[in-house]
């Protein structure tokens, strides 16, 4: 898609510096800058998403019905108590 843009002298100077630094032609550089700016506006992925999601084995470690916070807290407390007694 053809696009015409009028640049003021300061912006043209910036563009020329970027072109000289990158070695790209104007069209490639403008496409790259638009994509980079678009990516910056996207929400940051969570740590879990960055790591590729929850591992399947991690999701199966708790017994059925233990999804509520209180039940998870109880199970965690039990496991920690078991580890403490194992170390003694």
PDB file of N, CA and C in Angstrom:
ATOM      1  N   UNK A   1       0.847  -1.164   0.000  1.00  0.00           N
ATOM      2  CA  UNK A   1       0.000   0.000   0.000  1.00  0.00           C
ATOM      3  C   UNK A   1       0.899   1.235   0.000  1.00  0.00           C
ATOM      4  N   UNK A   2       0.820   2.049  -1.000  1.00  0.00           N
ATOM      5  CA  UNK A   2       1.627   3.269  -1.034  1.00  0.00           C
ATOM      6  C   UNK A   2       1.187   4.240   0.063  1.00  0.00           C
ATOM      7  N   UNK A   3       2.167   4.953   0.606  1.00  0.00           N
ATOM      8  CA  UNK A   3       1.896   5.906   1.677  1.00  0.00           C
ATOM      9  C   UNK A   3       2.832   7.088   1.496  1.00  0.00           C
ATOM     10  N   UNK A   4       2.280   8.287   1.561  1.00  0.00           N
ATOM     11  CA  UNK A   4       3.088   9.494   1.466  1.00  0.00           C
ATOM     12  C   UNK A   4       3.024  10.204   2.805  1.00  0.00           C
ATOM     13  N   UNK A   5       4.193  10.581   3.318  1.00  0.00           N
ATOM     14  CA  UNK A   5       4.253  11.261   4.602  1.00  0.00           C
ATOM     15  C   UNK A   5       5.124  12.498   4.449  1.00  0.00           C
ATOM     16  N   UNK A   6       4.638  13.610   4.962  1.00  0.00           N
ATOM     17  CA  UNK A   6       5.433  14.839   4.962  1.00  0.00           C
ATOM     18  C   UNK A   6       6.126  14.948   6.317  1.00  0.00           C
ATOM     19  N   UNK A   7       7.434  15.137   6.275  1.00  0.00           N
ATOM     20  CA  UNK A   7       8.218  15.227   7.502  1.00  0.00           C
ATOM     21  C   UNK A   7       8.775  16.632   7.662  1.00  0.00           C
ATOM     22  N   UNK A   8       8.795  17.106   8.901  1.00  0.00           N
ATOM     23  CA  UNK A   8       9.486  18.368   9.169  1.00  0.00           C
ATOM     24  C   UNK A   8      10.987  18.083   9.129  1.00  0.00           C
ATOM     25  N   UNK A   9      11.790  19.133   9.141  1.00  0.00           N
ATOM     26  CA  UNK A   9      13.238  18.945   8.961  1.00  0.00           C
ATOM     27  C   UNK A   9      13.861  18.150  10.107  1.00  0.00           C
ATOM     28  N   UNK A  10      13.387  18.339  11.340  1.00  0.00           N
ATOM     29  CA  UNK A  10      13.949  17.596  12.468  1.00  0.00           C
ATOM     30  C   UNK A  10      13.644  16.098  12.352  1.00  0.00           C
ATOM     31  N   UNK A  11      12.409  15.772  11.987  1.00  0.00           N
ATOM     32  CA  UNK A  11      12.028  14.368  11.831  1.00  0.00           C
ATOM     33  C   UNK A  11      12.771  13.740  10.652  1.00  0.00           C
ATOM     34  N   UNK A  12      12.953  14.492   9.588  1.00  0.00           N
ATOM     35  CA  UNK A  12      13.706  13.985   8.439  1.00  0.00           C
ATOM     36  C   UNK A  12      15.154  13.706   8.843  1.00  0.00           C
ATOM     37  N   UNK A  13      15.724  14.571   9.666  1.00  0.00           N
ATOM     38  CA  UNK A  13      17.092  14.362  10.149  1.00  0.00           C
ATOM     39  C   UNK A  13      17.152  13.066  10.973  1.00  0.00           C
ATOM     40  N   UNK A  14      16.166  12.874  11.846  1.00  0.00           N
ATOM     41  CA  UNK A  14      16.114  11.642  12.650  1.00  0.00           C
ATOM     42  C   UNK A  14      16.014  10.411  11.750  1.00  0.00           C
ATOM     43  N   UNK A  15      15.152  10.491  10.747  1.00  0.00           N
ATOM     44  CA  UNK A  15      14.988   9.380   9.818  1.00  0.00           C
ATOM     45  C   UNK A  15      16.296   9.078   9.096  1.00  0.00           C
ATOM     46  N   UNK A  16      16.975  10.108   8.639  1.00  0.00           N
ATOM     47  CA  UNK A  16      18.247   9.903   7.940  1.00  0.00           C
ATOM     48  C   UNK A  16      19.292   9.263   8.849  1.00  0.00           C
ATOM     49  N   UNK A  17      19.328   9.668  10.122  1.00  0.00           N
ATOM     50  CA  UNK A  17      20.252   9.035  11.073  1.00  0.00           C
ATOM     51  C   UNK A  17      19.924   7.557  11.245  1.00  0.00           C
ATOM     52  N   UNK A  18      18.631   7.254  11.392  1.00  0.00           N
ATOM     53  CA  UNK A  18      18.216   5.859  11.552  1.00  0.00           C
ATOM     54  C   UNK A  18      18.539   5.038  10.310  1.00  0.00           C
ATOM     55  N   UNK A  19      18.341   5.624   9.141  1.00  0.00           N
ATOM     56  CA  UNK A  19      18.654   4.925   7.889  1.00  0.00           C
ATOM     57  C   UNK A  19      20.149   4.626   7.797  1.00  0.00           C
ATOM     58  N   UNK A  20      20.970   5.622   8.137  1.00  0.00           N
ATOM     59  CA  UNK A  20      22.424   5.431   8.068  1.00  0.00           C
ATOM     60  C   UNK A  20      22.875   4.362   9.072  1.00  0.00           C
ATOM     61  N   UNK A  21      22.273   4.363  10.242  1.00  0.00           N
ATOM     62  CA  UNK A  21      22.646   3.403  11.281  1.00  0.00           C
ATOM     63  C   UNK A  21      22.215   1.988  10.938  1.00  0.00           C
ATOM     64  N   UNK A  22      21.015   1.858  10.356  1.00  0.00           N
ATOM     65  CA  UNK A  22      20.467   0.522  10.111  1.00  0.00           C
ATOM     66  C   UNK A  22      20.885  -0.059   8.766  1.00  0.00           C
ATOM     67  N   UNK A  23      21.166   0.794   7.803  1.00  0.00           N
ATOM     68  CA  UNK A  23      21.499   0.305   6.469  1.00  0.00           C
ATOM     69  C   UNK A  23      20.281  -0.157   5.679  1.00  0.00           C
ATOM     70  N   UNK A  24      19.086   0.097   6.199  1.00  0.00           N
ATOM     71  CA  UNK A  24      17.853  -0.310   5.525  1.00  0.00           C
ATOM     72  C   UNK A  24      17.375   0.787   4.583  1.00  0.00           C
ATOM     73  N   UNK A  25      16.474   0.404   3.670  1.00  0.00           N
ATOM     74  CA  UNK A  25      15.823   1.423   2.859  1.00  0.00           C
ATOM     75  C   UNK A  25      14.666   2.013   3.669  1.00  0.00           C
ATOM     76  N   UNK A  26      14.137   3.148   3.230  1.00  0.00           N
ATOM     77  CA  UNK A  26      13.099   3.852   3.994  1.00  0.00           C
ATOM     78  C   UNK A  26      11.879   2.981   4.263  1.00  0.00           C
ATOM     79  N   UNK A  27      11.407   2.268   3.250  1.00  0.00           N
ATOM     80  CA  UNK A  27      10.193   1.461   3.425  1.00  0.00           C
ATOM     81  C   UNK A  27      10.388   0.377   4.479  1.00  0.00           C
ATOM     82  N   UNK A  28      11.504  -0.321   4.425  1.00  0.00           N
ATOM     83  CA  UNK A  28      11.775  -1.389   5.396  1.00  0.00           C
ATOM     84  C   UNK A  28      11.875  -0.828   6.809  1.00  0.00           C
ATOM     85  N   UNK A  29      12.571   0.294   6.951  1.00  0.00           N
ATOM     86  CA  UNK A  29      12.738   0.893   8.260  1.00  0.00           C
ATOM     87  C   UNK A  29      11.398   1.354   8.834  1.00  0.00           C
ATOM     88  N   UNK A  30      10.587   2.001   8.017  1.00  0.00           N
ATOM     89  CA  UNK A  30       9.282   2.479   8.493  1.00  0.00           C
ATOM     90  C   UNK A  30       8.399   1.298   8.884  1.00  0.00           C
ATOM     91  N   UNK A  31       8.406   0.227   8.090  1.00  0.00           N
ATOM     92  CA  UNK A  31       7.625  -0.967   8.456  1.00  0.00           C
ATOM     93  C   UNK A  31       8.102  -1.538   9.789  1.00  0.00           C
ATOM     94  N   UNK A  32       9.422  -1.623   9.955  1.00  0.00           N
ATOM     95  CA  UNK A  32       9.983  -2.153  11.200  1.00  0.00           C
ATOM     96  C   UNK A  32       9.583  -1.279  12.386  1.00  0.00           C
ATOM     97  N   UNK A  33       9.698   0.033  12.247  1.00  0.00           N
ATOM     98  CA  UNK A  33       9.367   0.939  13.349  1.00  0.00           C
ATOM     99  C   UNK A  33       7.885   0.860  13.711  1.00  0.00           C
ATOM    100  N   UNK A  34       7.027   0.715  12.719  1.00  0.00           N
ATOM    101  CA  UNK A  34       5.585   0.587  12.988  1.00  0.00           C
ATOM    102  C   UNK A  34       5.317  -0.713  13.736  1.00  0.00           C
ATOM    103  N   UNK A  35       5.923  -1.820  13.287  1.00  0.00           N
ATOM    104  CA  UNK A  35       5.727  -3.107  13.984  1.00  0.00           C
ATOM    105  C   UNK A  35       6.237  -3.042  15.424  1.00  0.00           C
ATOM    106  N   UNK A  36       7.415  -2.447  15.622  1.00  0.00           N
ATOM    107  CA  UNK A  36       7.971  -2.336  16.973  1.00  0.00           C
ATOM    108  C   UNK A  36       7.055  -1.512  17.873  1.00  0.00           C
ATOM    109  N   UNK A  37       6.555  -0.408  17.342  1.00  0.00           N
ATOM    110  CA  UNK A  37       5.652   0.444  18.141  1.00  0.00           C
ATOM    111  C   UNK A  37       4.369  -0.296  18.461  1.00  0.00           C
ATOM    112  N   UNK A  38       3.850  -1.050  17.494  1.00  0.00           N
ATOM    113  CA  UNK A  38       2.623  -1.829  17.717  1.00  0.00           C
ATOM    114  C   UNK A  38       2.865  -2.875  18.805  1.00  0.00           C
ATOM    115  N   UNK A  39       4.010  -3.563  18.753  1.00  0.00           N
ATOM    116  CA  UNK A  39       4.333  -4.580  19.758  1.00  0.00           C
ATOM    117  C   UNK A  39       4.468  -3.975  21.148  1.00  0.00           C
ATOM    118  N   UNK A  40       4.998  -2.758  21.242  1.00  0.00           N
ATOM    119  CA  UNK A  40       5.129  -2.093  22.536  1.00  0.00           C
ATOM    120  C   UNK A  40       3.767  -1.817  23.163  1.00  0.00           C
ATOM    121  N   UNK A  41       2.761  -1.625  22.336  1.00  0.00           N
ATOM    122  CA  UNK A  41       1.421  -1.311  22.837  1.00  0.00           C
ATOM    123  C   UNK A  41       0.644  -2.552  23.260  1.00  0.00           C
ATOM    124  N   UNK A  42       1.131  -3.722  22.914  1.00  0.00           N
ATOM    125  CA  UNK A  42       0.454  -4.959  23.299  1.00  0.00           C
ATOM    126  C   UNK A  42       0.692  -5.225  24.781  1.00  0.00           C
ATOM    127  N   UNK A  43      -0.291  -5.832  25.454  1.00  0.00           N
ATOM    128  CA  UNK A  43      -0.089  -6.125  26.875  1.00  0.00           C
ATOM    129  C   UNK A  43       1.052  -7.123  27.058  1.00  0.00           C
ATOM    130  N   UNK A  44       1.804  -6.928  28.120  1.00  0.00           N
ATOM    131  CA  UNK A  44       2.913  -7.834  28.408  1.00  0.00           C
ATOM    132  C   UNK A  44       2.368  -9.198  28.812  1.00  0.00           C
ATOM    133  N   UNK A  45       2.949 -10.257  28.273  1.00  0.00           N
ATOM    134  CA  UNK A  45       2.486 -11.589  28.675  1.00  0.00           C
ATOM    135  C   UNK A  45       2.869 -11.865  30.131  1.00  0.00           C
ATOM    136  N   UNK A  46       2.053 -12.644  30.785  1.00  0.00           N
ATOM    137  CA  UNK A  46       2.352 -13.011  32.171  1.00  0.00           C
ATOM    138  C   UNK A  46       3.596 -13.902  32.193  1.00  0.00           C
ATOM    139  N   UNK A  47       4.147 -14.073  33.358  1.00  0.00           N
ATOM    140  CA  UNK A  47       5.328 -14.942  33.502  1.00  0.00           C
ATOM    141  C   UNK A  47       4.976 -16.357  33.042  1.00  0.00           C
ATOM    142  N   UNK A  48       3.781 -16.810  33.399  1.00  0.00           N
ATOM    143  CA  UNK A  48       3.347 -18.146  32.990  1.00  0.00           C
ATOM    144  C   UNK A  48       3.286 -18.249  31.469  1.00  0.00           C
ATOM    145  N   UNK A  49       2.752 -17.215  30.808  1.00  0.00           N
ATOM    146  CA  UNK A  49       2.692 -17.221  29.344  1.00  0.00           C
ATOM    147  C   UNK A  49       4.094 -17.196  28.743  1.00  0.00           C
ATOM    148  N   UNK A  50       4.998 -16.411  29.341  1.00  0.00           N
ATOM    149  CA  UNK A  50       6.368 -16.346  28.839  1.00  0.00           C
ATOM    150  C   UNK A  50       7.056 -17.699  28.931  1.00  0.00           C
ATOM    151  N   UNK A  51       6.698 -18.463  29.945  1.00  0.00           N
ATOM    152  CA  UNK A  51       7.307 -19.782  30.133  1.00  0.00           C
ATOM    153  C   UNK A  51       6.592 -20.878  29.339  1.00  0.00           C
ATOM    154  N   UNK A  52       5.554 -20.510  28.602  1.00  0.00           N
ATOM    155  CA  UNK A  52       4.857 -21.490  27.773  1.00  0.00           C
ATOM    156  C   UNK A  52       3.663 -22.126  28.446  1.00  0.00           C
ATOM    157  N   UNK A  53       3.141 -21.527  29.511  1.00  0.00           N
ATOM    158  CA  UNK A  53       1.970 -22.067  30.188  1.00  0.00           C
ATOM    159  C   UNK A  53       2.361 -22.969  31.337  1.00  0.00           C
ATOM    160  N   UNK A  54       1.338 -23.451  32.029  1.00  0.00           N
ATOM    161  CA  UNK A  54       1.577 -24.359  33.153  1.00  0.00           C
ATOM    162  C   UNK A  54       1.967 -25.733  32.623  1.00  0.00           C
ATOM    163  N   UNK A  55       3.012 -26.325  33.167  1.00  0.00           N
ATOM    164  CA  UNK A  55       3.342 -27.696  32.770  1.00  0.00           C
ATOM    165  C   UNK A  55       2.212 -28.635  33.185  1.00  0.00           C
ATOM    166  N   UNK A  56       1.913 -29.604  32.356  1.00  0.00           N
ATOM    167  CA  UNK A  56       0.815 -30.532  32.642  1.00  0.00           C
ATOM    168  C   UNK A  56       1.015 -31.235  33.978  1.00  0.00           C
ATOM    169  N   UNK A  57       2.237 -31.658  34.283  1.00  0.00           N
ATOM    170  CA  UNK A  57       2.464 -32.375  35.536  1.00  0.00           C
ATOM    171  C   UNK A  57       2.219 -31.479  36.749  1.00  0.00           C
ATOM    172  N   UNK A  58       2.407 -30.174  36.594  1.00  0.00           N
ATOM    173  CA  UNK A  58       2.177 -29.242  37.689  1.00  0.00           C
ATOM    174  C   UNK A  58       0.687 -29.150  38.023  1.00  0.00           C
ATOM    175  N   UNK A  59      -0.129 -29.213  36.995  1.00  0.00           N
ATOM    176  CA  UNK A  59      -1.573 -29.076  37.205  1.00  0.00           C
ATOM    177  C   UNK A  59      -2.176 -30.308  37.865  1.00  0.00           C
ATOM    178  N   UNK A  60      -1.511 -31.442  37.783  1.00  0.00           N
ATOM    179  CA  UNK A  60      -2.065 -32.685  38.321  1.00  0.00           C
ATOM    180  C   UNK A  60      -1.522 -33.040  39.699  1.00  0.00           C
ATOM    181  N   UNK A  61      -0.838 -32.130  40.367  1.00  0.00           N
ATOM    182  CA  UNK A  61      -0.214 -32.478  41.637  1.00  0.00           C
ATOM    183  C   UNK A  61      -1.164 -32.430  42.820  1.00  0.00           C
ATOM    184  N   UNK A  62      -2.268 -31.712  42.706  1.00  0.00           N
ATOM    185  CA  UNK A  62      -3.206 -31.606  43.813  1.00  0.00           C
ATOM    186  C   UNK A  62      -4.352 -32.594  43.633  1.00  0.00           C
ATOM    187  N   UNK A  63      -4.893 -33.091  44.724  1.00  0.00           N
ATOM    188  CA  UNK A  63      -6.022 -34.016  44.621  1.00  0.00           C
ATOM    189  C   UNK A  63      -7.255 -33.313  44.069  1.00  0.00           C
ATOM    190  N   UNK A  64      -8.180 -34.065  43.472  1.00  0.00           N
ATOM    191  CA  UNK A  64      -9.410 -33.459  42.959  1.00  0.00           C
ATOM    192  C   UNK A  64     -10.142 -32.695  44.059  1.00  0.00           C
ATOM    193  N   UNK A  65     -10.735 -31.571  43.696  1.00  0.00           N
ATOM    194  CA  UNK A  65     -11.499 -30.781  44.645  1.00  0.00           C
ATOM    195  C   UNK A  65     -10.670 -29.858  45.503  1.00  0.00           C
ATOM    196  N   UNK A  66      -9.391 -29.706  45.206  1.00  0.00           N
ATOM    197  CA  UNK A  66      -8.535 -28.875  46.058  1.00  0.00           C
ATOM    198  C   UNK A  66      -8.234 -27.530  45.410  1.00  0.00           C
ATOM    199  N   UNK A  67      -9.133 -27.054  44.593  1.00  0.00           N
ATOM    200  CA  UNK A  67      -8.864 -25.830  43.855  1.00  0.00           C
ATOM    201  C   UNK A  67      -9.135 -24.562  44.668  1.00  0.00           C
ATOM    202  N   UNK A  68      -9.902 -24.640  45.748  1.00  0.00           N
ATOM    203  CA  UNK A  68     -10.194 -23.417  46.494  1.00  0.00           C
ATOM    204  C   UNK A  68      -8.971 -22.980  47.291  1.00  0.00           C
ATOM    205  N   UNK A  69      -8.888 -21.698  47.550  1.00  0.00           N
ATOM    206  CA  UNK A  69      -7.733 -21.133  48.250  1.00  0.00           C
ATOM    207  C   UNK A  69      -7.535 -21.766  49.625  1.00  0.00           C
ATOM    208  N   UNK A  70      -8.622 -21.921  50.366  1.00  0.00           N
ATOM    209  CA  UNK A  70      -8.520 -22.496  51.711  1.00  0.00           C
ATOM    210  C   UNK A  70      -8.000 -23.930  51.656  1.00  0.00           C
ATOM    211  N   UNK A  71      -8.491 -24.708  50.723  1.00  0.00           N
ATOM    212  CA  UNK A  71      -8.028 -26.097  50.602  1.00  0.00           C
ATOM    213  C   UNK A  71      -6.562 -26.146  50.181  1.00  0.00           C
ATOM    214  N   UNK A  72      -6.169 -25.271  49.266  1.00  0.00           N
ATOM    215  CA  UNK A  72      -4.761 -25.227  48.854  1.00  0.00           C
ATOM    216  C   UNK A  72      -3.888 -24.854  50.031  1.00  0.00           C
ATOM    217  N   UNK A  73      -4.338 -23.888  50.831  1.00  0.00           N
ATOM    218  CA  UNK A  73      -3.573 -23.464  52.003  1.00  0.00           C
ATOM    219  C   UNK A  73      -3.412 -24.618  52.993  1.00  0.00           C
ATOM    220  N   UNK A  74      -4.487 -25.365  53.204  1.00  0.00           N
ATOM    221  CA  UNK A  74      -4.423 -26.517  54.100  1.00  0.00           C
ATOM    222  C   UNK A  74      -3.444 -27.570  53.590  1.00  0.00           C
ATOM    223  N   UNK A  75      -3.563 -27.903  52.294  1.00  0.00           N
ATOM    224  CA  UNK A  75      -2.661 -28.902  51.714  1.00  0.00           C
ATOM    225  C   UNK A  75      -1.207 -28.462  51.802  1.00  0.00           C
ATOM    226  N   UNK A  76      -0.967 -27.198  51.516  1.00  0.00           N
ATOM    227  CA  UNK A  76       0.400 -26.688  51.593  1.00  0.00           C
ATOM    228  C   UNK A  76       0.914 -26.788  53.027  1.00  0.00           C
ATOM    229  N   UNK A  77       0.085 -26.408  53.988  1.00  0.00           N
ATOM    230  CA  UNK A  77       0.476 -26.520  55.391  1.00  0.00           C
ATOM    231  C   UNK A  77       0.796 -27.949  55.775  1.00  0.00           C
ATOM    232  N   UNK A  78      -0.001 -28.886  55.309  1.00  0.00           N
ATOM    233  CA  UNK A  78       0.245 -30.305  55.602  1.00  0.00           C
ATOM    234  C   UNK A  78       1.572 -30.759  55.003  1.00  0.00           C
ATOM    235  N   UNK A  79       1.804 -30.393  53.768  1.00  0.00           N
ATOM    236  CA  UNK A  79       3.045 -30.814  53.104  1.00  0.00           C
ATOM    237  C   UNK A  79       4.273 -30.213  53.786  1.00  0.00           C
ATOM    238  N   UNK A  80       4.163 -28.948  54.193  1.00  0.00           N
ATOM    239  CA  UNK A  80       5.293 -28.331  54.888  1.00  0.00           C
ATOM    240  C   UNK A  80       5.534 -28.997  56.236  1.00  0.00           C
ATOM    241  N   UNK A  81       4.460 -29.314  56.933  1.00  0.00           N
ATOM    242  CA  UNK A  81       4.609 -30.011  58.221  1.00  0.00           C
ATOM    243  C   UNK A  81       5.255 -31.388  58.022  1.00  0.00           C
ATOM    244  N   UNK A  82       4.859 -32.096  56.971  1.00  0.00           N
ATOM    245  CA  UNK A  82       5.447 -33.408  56.681  1.00  0.00           C
ATOM    246  C   UNK A  82       6.942 -33.273  56.403  1.00  0.00           C
ATOM    247  N   UNK A  83       7.324 -32.258  55.662  1.00  0.00           N
ATOM    248  CA  UNK A  83       8.753 -32.061  55.360  1.00  0.00           C
ATOM    249  C   UNK A  83       9.544 -31.747  56.613  1.00  0.00           C
ATOM    250  N   UNK A  84       8.934 -30.945  57.511  1.00  0.00           N
ATOM    251  CA  UNK A  84       9.627 -30.619  58.755  1.00  0.00           C
ATOM    252  C   UNK A  84       9.877 -31.856  59.584  1.00  0.00           C
ATOM    253  N   UNK A  85       8.876 -32.727  59.643  1.00  0.00           N
ATOM    254  CA  UNK A  85       9.051 -33.963  60.441  1.00  0.00           C
ATOM    255  C   UNK A  85      10.043 -34.896  59.755  1.00  0.00           C
ATOM    256  N   UNK A  86      10.112 -34.918  58.443  1.00  0.00           N
ATOM    257  CA  UNK A  86      11.066 -35.764  57.729  1.00  0.00           C
ATOM    258  C   UNK A  86      12.498 -35.322  58.002  1.00  0.00           C
ATOM    259  N   UNK A  87      12.722 -34.043  58.171  1.00  0.00           N
ATOM    260  CA  UNK A  87      14.074 -33.516  58.382  1.00  0.00           C
ATOM    261  C   UNK A  87      14.584 -33.811  59.792  1.00  0.00           C
ATOM    262  N   UNK A  88      13.696 -34.058  60.704  1.00  0.00           N
ATOM    263  CA  UNK A  88      14.111 -34.272  62.095  1.00  0.00           C
ATOM    264  C   UNK A  88      14.631 -35.631  62.303  1.00  0.00           C
TER     265      UNK A  88
END
